[in-house]
Amino acid sequence: MSDPLLRELDHYVVLEPAGREQILPAQDTLAWLVGHLDALDQVPADLAGLATPQQRAQRLLETACELELEPGRAIQWFAVRLEPPGSDT
Protein backbone atom coordinates (compact mmCIF):
# COMPACT_ATOMS: atom_id res chain seq x y z
CA MET A 1 0.00 0.00 0.00
CA SER A 2 1.26 3.48 -0.79
CA ASP A 3 2.26 5.99 1.85
CA PRO A 4 -0.79 8.17 2.73
CA LEU A 5 1.53 11.16 3.06
CA LEU A 6 2.16 11.01 -0.69
CA ARG A 7 -1.52 11.64 -1.36
CA GLU A 8 -1.17 15.00 0.36
CA LEU A 9 1.43 16.14 -2.15
CA ASP A 10 0.17 18.32 -4.94
CA HIS A 11 3.13 18.35 -7.32
CA TYR A 12 5.34 15.88 -9.15
CA VAL A 13 8.64 16.08 -10.96
CA VAL A 14 8.15 14.23 -14.25
CA LEU A 15 11.04 12.98 -16.36
CA GLU A 16 10.88 12.19 -20.07
CA PRO A 17 13.30 9.86 -21.90
CA ALA A 18 14.85 12.78 -23.78
CA GLY A 19 15.93 14.26 -20.46
CA ARG A 20 13.11 16.77 -20.23
CA GLU A 21 12.17 17.51 -16.61
CA GLN A 22 9.24 19.54 -15.36
CA ILE A 23 7.20 20.08 -12.21
CA LEU A 24 3.48 19.52 -12.67
CA PRO A 25 0.46 19.80 -10.40
CA ALA A 26 -1.13 16.44 -9.52
CA GLN A 27 -3.98 16.80 -12.05
CA ASP A 28 -1.57 17.61 -14.88
CA THR A 29 0.60 14.67 -13.85
CA LEU A 30 -2.44 12.39 -14.15
CA ALA A 31 -3.15 13.77 -17.63
CA TRP A 32 0.53 13.28 -18.55
CA LEU A 33 0.33 9.63 -17.45
CA VAL A 34 -2.95 9.09 -19.30
CA GLY A 35 -1.32 10.37 -22.49
CA HIS A 36 1.58 7.96 -22.14
CA LEU A 37 -0.70 5.04 -21.27
CA ASP A 38 -2.89 5.77 -24.29
CA ALA A 39 0.18 5.66 -26.54
CA LEU A 40 1.17 2.16 -25.40
CA ASP A 41 0.36 -0.80 -27.65
CA GLN A 42 -0.43 -2.85 -24.55
CA VAL A 43 -0.96 -1.63 -20.99
CA PRO A 44 0.93 -3.39 -18.20
CA ALA A 45 -0.84 -6.51 -16.93
CA ASP A 46 -1.37 -5.09 -13.44
CA LEU A 47 -3.33 -2.16 -14.93
CA ALA A 48 -5.30 -4.06 -17.58
CA GLY A 49 -8.17 -4.83 -15.20
CA LEU A 50 -8.90 -1.17 -14.55
CA ALA A 51 -11.73 0.26 -16.63
CA THR A 52 -10.45 3.69 -17.65
CA PRO A 53 -7.14 5.34 -18.52
CA GLN A 54 -7.72 7.74 -15.61
CA GLN A 55 -8.00 4.82 -13.16
CA ARG A 56 -4.84 3.29 -14.59
CA ALA A 57 -2.96 6.58 -14.27
CA GLN A 58 -4.20 7.06 -10.71
CA ARG A 59 -3.02 3.55 -9.77
CA LEU A 60 0.40 4.27 -11.25
CA LEU A 61 0.64 7.58 -9.44
CA GLU A 62 -0.13 5.88 -6.12
CA THR A 63 1.97 2.74 -6.50
CA ALA A 64 4.88 3.33 -8.87
CA CYS A 65 7.34 5.92 -10.09
CA GLU A 66 8.28 4.53 -13.51
CA LEU A 67 6.57 3.25 -16.64
CA GLU A 68 8.52 1.50 -19.37
CA LEU A 69 7.31 2.76 -22.74
CA GLU A 70 9.48 0.32 -24.68
CA PRO A 71 12.62 -1.64 -23.82
CA GLY A 72 15.23 0.80 -22.54
CA ARG A 73 12.88 3.82 -22.65
CA ALA A 74 10.88 4.86 -19.59
CA ILE A 75 9.19 7.83 -17.98
CA GLN A 76 9.47 8.60 -14.27
CA TRP A 77 7.62 10.75 -11.75
CA PHE A 78 8.34 11.68 -8.15
CA ALA A 79 6.13 13.43 -5.62
CA VAL A 80 7.55 16.68 -4.29
CA ARG A 81 6.43 19.11 -1.64
CA LEU A 82 6.65 22.74 -2.66
CA GLU A 83 7.04 25.09 0.28
CA PRO A 84 5.38 28.48 0.00
CA PRO A 85 7.82 31.41 -0.34
CA GLY A 86 8.99 32.71 3.02
CA SER A 87 8.12 29.57 5.01
CA ASP A 88 10.79 28.49 7.46
CA THR A 89 10.80 24.73 8.01
PDB file of N, CA and C in Angstrom:
ATOM      1  N   MET A   1       0.847  -1.178   0.000  1.00  0.00           N
ATOM      2  CA  MET A   1       0.000   0.000   0.000  1.00  0.00           C
ATOM      3  C   MET A   1       0.893   1.242   0.000  1.00  0.00           C
ATOM      4  N   SER A   2       0.454   2.274  -0.685  1.00  0.00           N
ATOM      5  CA  SER A   2       1.260   3.484  -0.789  1.00  0.00           C
ATOM      6  C   SER A   2       1.190   4.302   0.497  1.00  0.00           C
ATOM      7  N   ASP A   3       2.175   5.136   0.684  1.00  0.00           N
ATOM      8  CA  ASP A   3       2.265   5.993   1.853  1.00  0.00           C
ATOM      9  C   ASP A   3       1.166   7.058   1.772  1.00  0.00           C
ATOM     10  N   PRO A   4       0.290   7.165   2.786  1.00  0.00           N
ATOM     11  CA  PRO A   4      -0.789   8.168   2.727  1.00  0.00           C
ATOM     12  C   PRO A   4      -0.264   9.591   2.659  1.00  0.00           C
ATOM     13  N   LEU A   5       0.958   9.825   3.137  1.00  0.00           N
ATOM     14  CA  LEU A   5       1.534  11.158   3.065  1.00  0.00           C
ATOM     15  C   LEU A   5       1.711  11.608   1.615  1.00  0.00           C
ATOM     16  N   LEU A   6       1.981  10.653   0.722  1.00  0.00           N
ATOM     17  CA  LEU A   6       2.157  11.013  -0.689  1.00  0.00           C
ATOM     18  C   LEU A   6       0.884  11.592  -1.279  1.00  0.00           C
ATOM     19  N   ARG A   7      -0.265  11.140  -0.819  1.00  0.00           N
ATOM     20  CA  ARG A   7      -1.522  11.643  -1.364  1.00  0.00           C
ATOM     21  C   ARG A   7      -1.749  13.108  -1.021  1.00  0.00           C
ATOM     22  N   GLU A   8      -1.040  13.604  -0.012  1.00  0.00           N
ATOM     23  CA  GLU A   8      -1.170  14.999   0.364  1.00  0.00           C
ATOM     24  C   GLU A   8      -0.319  15.905  -0.514  1.00  0.00           C
ATOM     25  N   LEU A   9       0.548  15.345  -1.310  1.00  0.00           N
ATOM     26  CA  LEU A   9       1.432  16.138  -2.153  1.00  0.00           C
ATOM     27  C   LEU A   9       0.702  16.546  -3.422  1.00  0.00           C
ATOM     28  N   ASP A  10       0.909  17.772  -3.806  1.00  0.00           N
ATOM     29  CA  ASP A  10       0.167  18.319  -4.939  1.00  0.00           C
ATOM     30  C   ASP A  10       0.979  18.456  -6.198  1.00  0.00           C
ATOM     31  N   HIS A  11       2.271  18.162  -6.152  1.00  0.00           N
ATOM     32  CA  HIS A  11       3.134  18.351  -7.319  1.00  0.00           C
ATOM     33  C   HIS A  11       4.045  17.154  -7.524  1.00  0.00           C
ATOM     34  N   TYR A  12       4.448  16.976  -8.775  1.00  0.00           N
ATOM     35  CA  TYR A  12       5.341  15.877  -9.147  1.00  0.00           C
ATOM     36  C   TYR A  12       6.396  16.391 -10.113  1.00  0.00           C
ATOM     37  N   VAL A  13       7.603  15.884  -9.953  1.00  0.00           N
ATOM     38  CA  VAL A  13       8.637  16.079 -10.960  1.00  0.00           C
ATOM     39  C   VAL A  13       8.452  14.940 -11.943  1.00  0.00           C
ATOM     40  N   VAL A  14       8.314  15.258 -13.225  1.00  0.00           N
ATOM     41  CA  VAL A  14       8.150  14.228 -14.252  1.00  0.00           C
ATOM     42  C   VAL A  14       9.357  14.280 -15.178  1.00  0.00           C
ATOM     43  N   LEU A  15       9.840  13.105 -15.530  1.00  0.00           N
ATOM     44  CA  LEU A  15      11.039  12.982 -16.360  1.00  0.00           C
ATOM     45  C   LEU A  15      10.710  12.218 -17.634  1.00  0.00           C
ATOM     46  N   GLU A  16      11.080  12.794 -18.751  1.00  0.00           N
ATOM     47  CA  GLU A  16      10.875  12.187 -20.066  1.00  0.00           C
ATOM     48  C   GLU A  16      12.171  11.512 -20.518  1.00  0.00           C
ATOM     49  N   PRO A  17      12.089  10.537 -21.425  1.00  0.00           N
ATOM     50  CA  PRO A  17      13.299   9.858 -21.898  1.00  0.00           C
ATOM     51  C   PRO A  17      14.332  10.792 -22.520  1.00  0.00           C
ATOM     52  N   ALA A  18      13.908  11.857 -23.132  1.00  0.00           N
ATOM     53  CA  ALA A  18      14.845  12.784 -23.780  1.00  0.00           C
ATOM     54  C   ALA A  18      15.538  13.693 -22.766  1.00  0.00           C
ATOM     55  N   GLY A  19      15.292  13.465 -21.478  1.00  0.00           N
ATOM     56  CA  GLY A  19      15.932  14.265 -20.462  1.00  0.00           C
ATOM     57  C   GLY A  19      15.135  15.476 -20.028  1.00  0.00           C
ATOM     58  N   ARG A  20      13.956  15.641 -20.601  1.00  0.00           N
ATOM     59  CA  ARG A  20      13.114  16.771 -20.229  1.00  0.00           C
ATOM     60  C   ARG A  20      12.560  16.564 -18.819  1.00  0.00           C
ATOM     61  N   GLU A  21      12.644  17.571 -17.997  1.00  0.00           N
ATOM     62  CA  GLU A  21      12.171  17.511 -16.614  1.00  0.00           C
ATOM     63  C   GLU A  21      11.249  18.693 -16.381  1.00  0.00           C
ATOM     64  N   GLN A  22      10.133  18.448 -15.706  1.00  0.00           N
ATOM     65  CA  GLN A  22       9.238  19.542 -15.363  1.00  0.00           C
ATOM     66  C   GLN A  22       8.509  19.226 -14.064  1.00  0.00           C
ATOM     67  N   ILE A  23       8.014  20.252 -13.415  1.00  0.00           N
ATOM     68  CA  ILE A  23       7.200  20.085 -12.212  1.00  0.00           C
ATOM     69  C   ILE A  23       5.762  20.363 -12.614  1.00  0.00           C
ATOM     70  N   LEU A  24       4.890  19.397 -12.307  1.00  0.00           N
ATOM     71  CA  LEU A  24       3.483  19.516 -12.674  1.00  0.00           C
ATOM     72  C   LEU A  24       2.594  19.371 -11.449  1.00  0.00           C
ATOM     73  N   PRO A  25       1.450  20.059 -11.438  1.00  0.00           N
ATOM     74  CA  PRO A  25       0.461  19.796 -10.400  1.00  0.00           C
ATOM     75  C   PRO A  25      -0.071  18.363 -10.566  1.00  0.00           C
ATOM     76  N   ALA A  26      -0.662  17.825  -9.511  1.00  0.00           N
ATOM     77  CA  ALA A  26      -1.129  16.439  -9.524  1.00  0.00           C
ATOM     78  C   ALA A  26      -2.071  16.156 -10.697  1.00  0.00           C
ATOM     79  N   GLN A  27      -3.028  17.041 -10.957  1.00  0.00           N
ATOM     80  CA  GLN A  27      -3.985  16.801 -12.048  1.00  0.00           C
ATOM     81  C   GLN A  27      -3.292  16.762 -13.411  1.00  0.00           C
ATOM     82  N   ASP A  28      -2.311  17.624 -13.621  1.00  0.00           N
ATOM     83  CA  ASP A  28      -1.566  17.615 -14.881  1.00  0.00           C
ATOM     84  C   ASP A  28      -0.692  16.368 -14.986  1.00  0.00           C
ATOM     85  N   THR A  29      -0.195  15.898 -13.849  1.00  0.00           N
ATOM     86  CA  THR A  29       0.597  14.668 -13.847  1.00  0.00           C
ATOM     87  C   THR A  29      -0.275  13.491 -14.247  1.00  0.00           C
ATOM     88  N   LEU A  30      -1.504  13.453 -13.745  1.00  0.00           N
ATOM     89  CA  LEU A  30      -2.440  12.390 -14.150  1.00  0.00           C
ATOM     90  C   LEU A  30      -2.691  12.440 -15.652  1.00  0.00           C
ATOM     91  N   ALA A  31      -2.920  13.629 -16.187  1.00  0.00           N
ATOM     92  CA  ALA A  31      -3.151  13.768 -17.628  1.00  0.00           C
ATOM     93  C   ALA A  31      -1.916  13.342 -18.416  1.00  0.00           C
ATOM     94  N   TRP A  32      -0.730  13.676 -17.922  1.00  0.00           N
ATOM     95  CA  TRP A  32       0.532  13.278 -18.553  1.00  0.00           C
ATOM     96  C   TRP A  32       0.638  11.756 -18.599  1.00  0.00           C
ATOM     97  N   LEU A  33       0.300  11.097 -17.480  1.00  0.00           N
ATOM     98  CA  LEU A  33       0.331   9.635 -17.447  1.00  0.00           C
ATOM     99  C   LEU A  33      -0.717   9.019 -18.377  1.00  0.00           C
ATOM    100  N   VAL A  34      -1.896   9.585 -18.396  1.00  0.00           N
ATOM    101  CA  VAL A  34      -2.949   9.089 -19.295  1.00  0.00           C
ATOM    102  C   VAL A  34      -2.465   9.144 -20.737  1.00  0.00           C
ATOM    103  N   GLY A  35      -1.843  10.240 -21.123  1.00  0.00           N
ATOM    104  CA  GLY A  35      -1.322  10.371 -22.493  1.00  0.00           C
ATOM    105  C   GLY A  35      -0.311   9.296 -22.827  1.00  0.00           C
ATOM    106  N   HIS A  36       0.580   9.009 -21.902  1.00  0.00           N
ATOM    107  CA  HIS A  36       1.575   7.961 -22.138  1.00  0.00           C
ATOM    108  C   HIS A  36       0.941   6.578 -22.157  1.00  0.00           C
ATOM    109  N   LEU A  37      -0.015   6.342 -21.278  1.00  0.00           N
ATOM    110  CA  LEU A  37      -0.701   5.043 -21.271  1.00  0.00           C
ATOM    111  C   LEU A  37      -1.481   4.827 -22.561  1.00  0.00           C
ATOM    112  N   ASP A  38      -2.128   5.873 -23.044  1.00  0.00           N
ATOM    113  CA  ASP A  38      -2.892   5.773 -24.293  1.00  0.00           C
ATOM    114  C   ASP A  38      -1.999   5.462 -25.492  1.00  0.00           C
ATOM    115  N   ALA A  39      -0.739   5.878 -25.423  1.00  0.00           N
ATOM    116  CA  ALA A  39       0.183   5.662 -26.538  1.00  0.00           C
ATOM    117  C   ALA A  39       0.785   4.254 -26.548  1.00  0.00           C
ATOM    118  N   LEU A  40       0.619   3.510 -25.460  1.00  0.00           N
ATOM    119  CA  LEU A  40       1.171   2.156 -25.400  1.00  0.00           C
ATOM    120  C   LEU A  40       0.365   1.192 -26.267  1.00  0.00           C
ATOM    121  N   ASP A  41       1.056   0.245 -26.899  1.00  0.00           N
ATOM    122  CA  ASP A  41       0.361  -0.795 -27.647  1.00  0.00           C
ATOM    123  C   ASP A  41      -0.400  -1.724 -26.707  1.00  0.00           C
ATOM    124  N   GLN A  42       0.187  -1.970 -25.540  1.00  0.00           N
ATOM    125  CA  GLN A  42      -0.431  -2.848 -24.554  1.00  0.00           C
ATOM    126  C   GLN A  42      -0.135  -2.285 -23.163  1.00  0.00           C
ATOM    127  N   VAL A  43      -1.179  -2.138 -22.348  1.00  0.00           N
ATOM    128  CA  VAL A  43      -0.961  -1.631 -20.994  1.00  0.00           C
ATOM    129  C   VAL A  43      -0.375  -2.735 -20.122  1.00  0.00           C
ATOM    130  N   PRO A  44       0.374  -2.373 -19.106  1.00  0.00           N
ATOM    131  CA  PRO A  44       0.927  -3.388 -18.200  1.00  0.00           C
ATOM    132  C   PRO A  44      -0.181  -4.262 -17.610  1.00  0.00           C
ATOM    133  N   ALA A  45       0.146  -5.522 -17.393  1.00  0.00           N
ATOM    134  CA  ALA A  45      -0.844  -6.507 -16.930  1.00  0.00           C
ATOM    135  C   ALA A  45      -1.524  -6.085 -15.636  1.00  0.00           C
ATOM    136  N   ASP A  46      -0.774  -5.468 -14.720  1.00  0.00           N
ATOM    137  CA  ASP A  46      -1.374  -5.092 -13.440  1.00  0.00           C
ATOM    138  C   ASP A  46      -2.352  -3.925 -13.555  1.00  0.00           C
ATOM    139  N   LEU A  47      -2.388  -3.269 -14.706  1.00  0.00           N
ATOM    140  CA  LEU A  47      -3.328  -2.164 -14.927  1.00  0.00           C
ATOM    141  C   LEU A  47      -4.466  -2.553 -15.855  1.00  0.00           C
ATOM    142  N   ALA A  48      -4.330  -3.664 -16.548  1.00  0.00           N
ATOM    143  CA  ALA A  48      -5.299  -4.057 -17.577  1.00  0.00           C
ATOM    144  C   ALA A  48      -6.714  -4.238 -17.034  1.00  0.00           C
ATOM    145  N   GLY A  49      -6.849  -4.613 -15.778  1.00  0.00           N
ATOM    146  CA  GLY A  49      -8.172  -4.832 -15.202  1.00  0.00           C
ATOM    147  C   GLY A  49      -8.912  -3.565 -14.827  1.00  0.00           C
ATOM    148  N   LEU A  50      -8.251  -2.433 -14.887  1.00  0.00           N
ATOM    149  CA  LEU A  50      -8.904  -1.167 -14.549  1.00  0.00           C
ATOM    150  C   LEU A  50      -9.643  -0.637 -15.774  1.00  0.00           C
ATOM    151  N   ALA A  51     -10.811  -0.069 -15.533  1.00  0.00           N
ATOM    152  CA  ALA A  51     -11.729   0.263 -16.625  1.00  0.00           C
ATOM    153  C   ALA A  51     -11.318   1.453 -17.484  1.00  0.00           C
ATOM    154  N   THR A  52     -10.717   2.467 -16.888  1.00  0.00           N
ATOM    155  CA  THR A  52     -10.450   3.689 -17.652  1.00  0.00           C
ATOM    156  C   THR A  52      -8.975   4.079 -17.589  1.00  0.00           C
ATOM    157  N   PRO A  53      -8.519   4.841 -18.569  1.00  0.00           N
ATOM    158  CA  PRO A  53      -7.144   5.341 -18.517  1.00  0.00           C
ATOM    159  C   PRO A  53      -6.884   6.186 -17.270  1.00  0.00           C
ATOM    160  N   GLN A  54      -7.883   6.926 -16.810  1.00  0.00           N
ATOM    161  CA  GLN A  54      -7.719   7.738 -15.614  1.00  0.00           C
ATOM    162  C   GLN A  54      -7.489   6.857 -14.383  1.00  0.00           C
ATOM    163  N   GLN A  55      -8.204   5.743 -14.286  1.00  0.00           N
ATOM    164  CA  GLN A  55      -8.004   4.821 -13.165  1.00  0.00           C
ATOM    165  C   GLN A  55      -6.620   4.189 -13.232  1.00  0.00           C
ATOM    166  N   ARG A  56      -6.174   3.863 -14.421  1.00  0.00           N
ATOM    167  CA  ARG A  56      -4.837   3.293 -14.588  1.00  0.00           C
ATOM    168  C   ARG A  56      -3.756   4.294 -14.168  1.00  0.00           C
ATOM    169  N   ALA A  57      -3.924   5.539 -14.612  1.00  0.00           N
ATOM    170  CA  ALA A  57      -2.958   6.584 -14.270  1.00  0.00           C
ATOM    171  C   ALA A  57      -2.950   6.833 -12.763  1.00  0.00           C
ATOM    172  N   GLN A  58      -4.117   6.851 -12.150  1.00  0.00           N
ATOM    173  CA  GLN A  58      -4.196   7.062 -10.706  1.00  0.00           C
ATOM    174  C   GLN A  58      -3.497   5.929  -9.959  1.00  0.00           C
ATOM    175  N   ARG A  59      -3.692   4.687 -10.398  1.00  0.00           N
ATOM    176  CA  ARG A  59      -3.021   3.546  -9.767  1.00  0.00           C
ATOM    177  C   ARG A  59      -1.506   3.687  -9.891  1.00  0.00           C
ATOM    178  N   LEU A  60      -1.039   4.061 -11.074  1.00  0.00           N
ATOM    179  CA  LEU A  60       0.399   4.266 -11.254  1.00  0.00           C
ATOM    180  C   LEU A  60       0.927   5.361 -10.336  1.00  0.00           C
ATOM    181  N   LEU A  61       0.202   6.451 -10.262  1.00  0.00           N
ATOM    182  CA  LEU A  61       0.637   7.577  -9.443  1.00  0.00           C
ATOM    183  C   LEU A  61       0.767   7.168  -7.976  1.00  0.00           C
ATOM    184  N   GLU A  62      -0.123   6.295  -7.521  1.00  0.00           N
ATOM    185  CA  GLU A  62      -0.135   5.883  -6.120  1.00  0.00           C
ATOM    186  C   GLU A  62       0.826   4.738  -5.806  1.00  0.00           C
ATOM    187  N   THR A  63       1.221   3.963  -6.808  1.00  0.00           N
ATOM    188  CA  THR A  63       1.969   2.736  -6.503  1.00  0.00           C
ATOM    189  C   THR A  63       3.310   2.600  -7.197  1.00  0.00           C
ATOM    190  N   ALA A  64       3.641   3.492  -8.106  1.00  0.00           N
ATOM    191  CA  ALA A  64       4.878   3.330  -8.874  1.00  0.00           C
ATOM    192  C   ALA A  64       5.523   4.688  -9.104  1.00  0.00           C
ATOM    193  N   CYS A  65       6.683   4.662  -9.725  1.00  0.00           N
ATOM    194  CA  CYS A  65       7.338   5.924 -10.089  1.00  0.00           C
ATOM    195  C   CYS A  65       7.994   5.813 -11.468  1.00  0.00           C
ATOM    196  N   GLU A  66       7.697   4.718 -12.196  1.00  0.00           N
ATOM    197  CA  GLU A  66       8.283   4.533 -13.511  1.00  0.00           C
ATOM    198  C   GLU A  66       7.354   3.702 -14.376  1.00  0.00           C
ATOM    199  N   LEU A  67       7.327   4.025 -15.661  1.00  0.00           N
ATOM    200  CA  LEU A  67       6.569   3.253 -16.640  1.00  0.00           C
ATOM    201  C   LEU A  67       7.462   3.054 -17.856  1.00  0.00           C
ATOM    202  N   GLU A  68       7.709   1.803 -18.191  1.00  0.00           N
ATOM    203  CA  GLU A  68       8.515   1.498 -19.369  1.00  0.00           C
ATOM    204  C   GLU A  68       7.637   1.639 -20.608  1.00  0.00           C
ATOM    205  N   LEU A  69       8.053   2.517 -21.507  1.00  0.00           N
ATOM    206  CA  LEU A  69       7.313   2.757 -22.745  1.00  0.00           C
ATOM    207  C   LEU A  69       7.676   1.734 -23.803  1.00  0.00           C
ATOM    208  N   GLU A  70       8.943   1.356 -23.807  1.00  0.00           N
ATOM    209  CA  GLU A  70       9.482   0.322 -24.680  1.00  0.00           C
ATOM    210  C   GLU A  70      10.807  -0.101 -24.052  1.00  0.00           C
ATOM    211  N   PRO A  71      11.365  -1.212 -24.454  1.00  0.00           N
ATOM    212  CA  PRO A  71      12.619  -1.642 -23.816  1.00  0.00           C
ATOM    213  C   PRO A  71      13.686  -0.546 -23.844  1.00  0.00           C
ATOM    214  N   GLY A  72      14.191  -0.216 -22.658  1.00  0.00           N
ATOM    215  CA  GLY A  72      15.234   0.796 -22.538  1.00  0.00           C
ATOM    216  C   GLY A  72      14.751   2.235 -22.550  1.00  0.00           C
ATOM    217  N   ARG A  73      13.443   2.454 -22.588  1.00  0.00           N
ATOM    218  CA  ARG A  73      12.881   3.818 -22.648  1.00  0.00           C
ATOM    219  C   ARG A  73      11.723   3.920 -21.657  1.00  0.00           C
ATOM    220  N   ALA A  74      11.887   4.759 -20.645  1.00  0.00           N
ATOM    221  CA  ALA A  74      10.876   4.856 -19.592  1.00  0.00           C
ATOM    222  C   ALA A  74      10.649   6.311 -19.198  1.00  0.00           C
ATOM    223  N   ILE A  75       9.484   6.545 -18.601  1.00  0.00           N
ATOM    224  CA  ILE A  75       9.194   7.830 -17.979  1.00  0.00           C
ATOM    225  C   ILE A  75       9.202   7.611 -16.471  1.00  0.00           C
ATOM    226  N   GLN A  76       9.454   8.680 -15.731  1.00  0.00           N
ATOM    227  CA  GLN A  76       9.467   8.604 -14.274  1.00  0.00           C
ATOM    228  C   GLN A  76       8.767   9.816 -13.681  1.00  0.00           C
ATOM    229  N   TRP A  77       8.258   9.652 -12.465  1.00  0.00           N
ATOM    230  CA  TRP A  77       7.623  10.748 -11.745  1.00  0.00           C
ATOM    231  C   TRP A  77       7.879  10.564 -10.256  1.00  0.00           C
ATOM    232  N   PHE A  78       8.030  11.692  -9.575  1.00  0.00           N
ATOM    233  CA  PHE A  78       8.339  11.676  -8.151  1.00  0.00           C
ATOM    234  C   PHE A  78       7.550  12.777  -7.459  1.00  0.00           C
ATOM    235  N   ALA A  79       6.875  12.436  -6.390  1.00  0.00           N
ATOM    236  CA  ALA A  79       6.130  13.431  -5.618  1.00  0.00           C
ATOM    237  C   ALA A  79       7.102  14.388  -4.945  1.00  0.00           C
ATOM    238  N   VAL A  80       6.745  15.665  -4.958  1.00  0.00           N
ATOM    239  CA  VAL A  80       7.552  16.682  -4.291  1.00  0.00           C
ATOM    240  C   VAL A  80       6.629  17.599  -3.502  1.00  0.00           C
ATOM    241  N   ARG A  81       7.170  18.139  -2.439  1.00  0.00           N
ATOM    242  CA  ARG A  81       6.426  19.115  -1.640  1.00  0.00           C
ATOM    243  C   ARG A  81       7.031  20.480  -1.931  1.00  0.00           C
ATOM    244  N   LEU A  82       6.204  21.381  -2.402  1.00  0.00           N
ATOM    245  CA  LEU A  82       6.653  22.742  -2.660  1.00  0.00           C
ATOM    246  C   LEU A  82       6.286  23.596  -1.460  1.00  0.00           C
ATOM    247  N   GLU A  83       7.271  24.216  -0.861  1.00  0.00           N
ATOM    248  CA  GLU A  83       7.037  25.087   0.285  1.00  0.00           C
ATOM    249  C   GLU A  83       6.692  26.480  -0.218  1.00  0.00           C
ATOM    250  N   PRO A  84       5.710  27.118   0.400  1.00  0.00           N
ATOM    251  CA  PRO A  84       5.382  28.482  -0.005  1.00  0.00           C
ATOM    252  C   PRO A  84       6.550  29.419   0.265  1.00  0.00           C
ATOM    253  N   PRO A  85       6.725  30.458  -0.552  1.00  0.00           N
ATOM    254  CA  PRO A  85       7.823  31.407  -0.336  1.00  0.00           C
ATOM    255  C   PRO A  85       7.759  32.001   1.073  1.00  0.00           C
ATOM    256  N   GLY A  86       8.909  32.101   1.709  1.00  0.00           N
ATOM    257  CA  GLY A  86       8.985  32.708   3.018  1.00  0.00           C
ATOM    258  C   GLY A  86       8.702  31.775   4.176  1.00  0.00           C
ATOM    259  N   SER A  87       8.375  30.497   3.899  1.00  0.00           N
ATOM    260  CA  SER A  87       8.117  29.575   5.010  1.00  0.00           C
ATOM    261  C   SER A  87       9.443  29.047   5.542  1.00  0.00           C
ATOM    262  N   ASP A  88       9.574  29.002   6.824  1.00  0.00           N
ATOM    263  CA  ASP A  88      10.786  28.488   7.459  1.00  0.00           C
ATOM    264  C   ASP A  88      10.477  27.151   8.081  1.00  0.00           C
ATOM    265  N   THR A  89      10.993  26.072   7.458  1.00  0.00           N
ATOM    266  CA  THR A  89      10.801  24.728   8.007  1.00  0.00           C
ATOM    267  C   THR A  89      12.115  24.048   8.186  1.00  0.00           C
TER     268      THR A  89
END
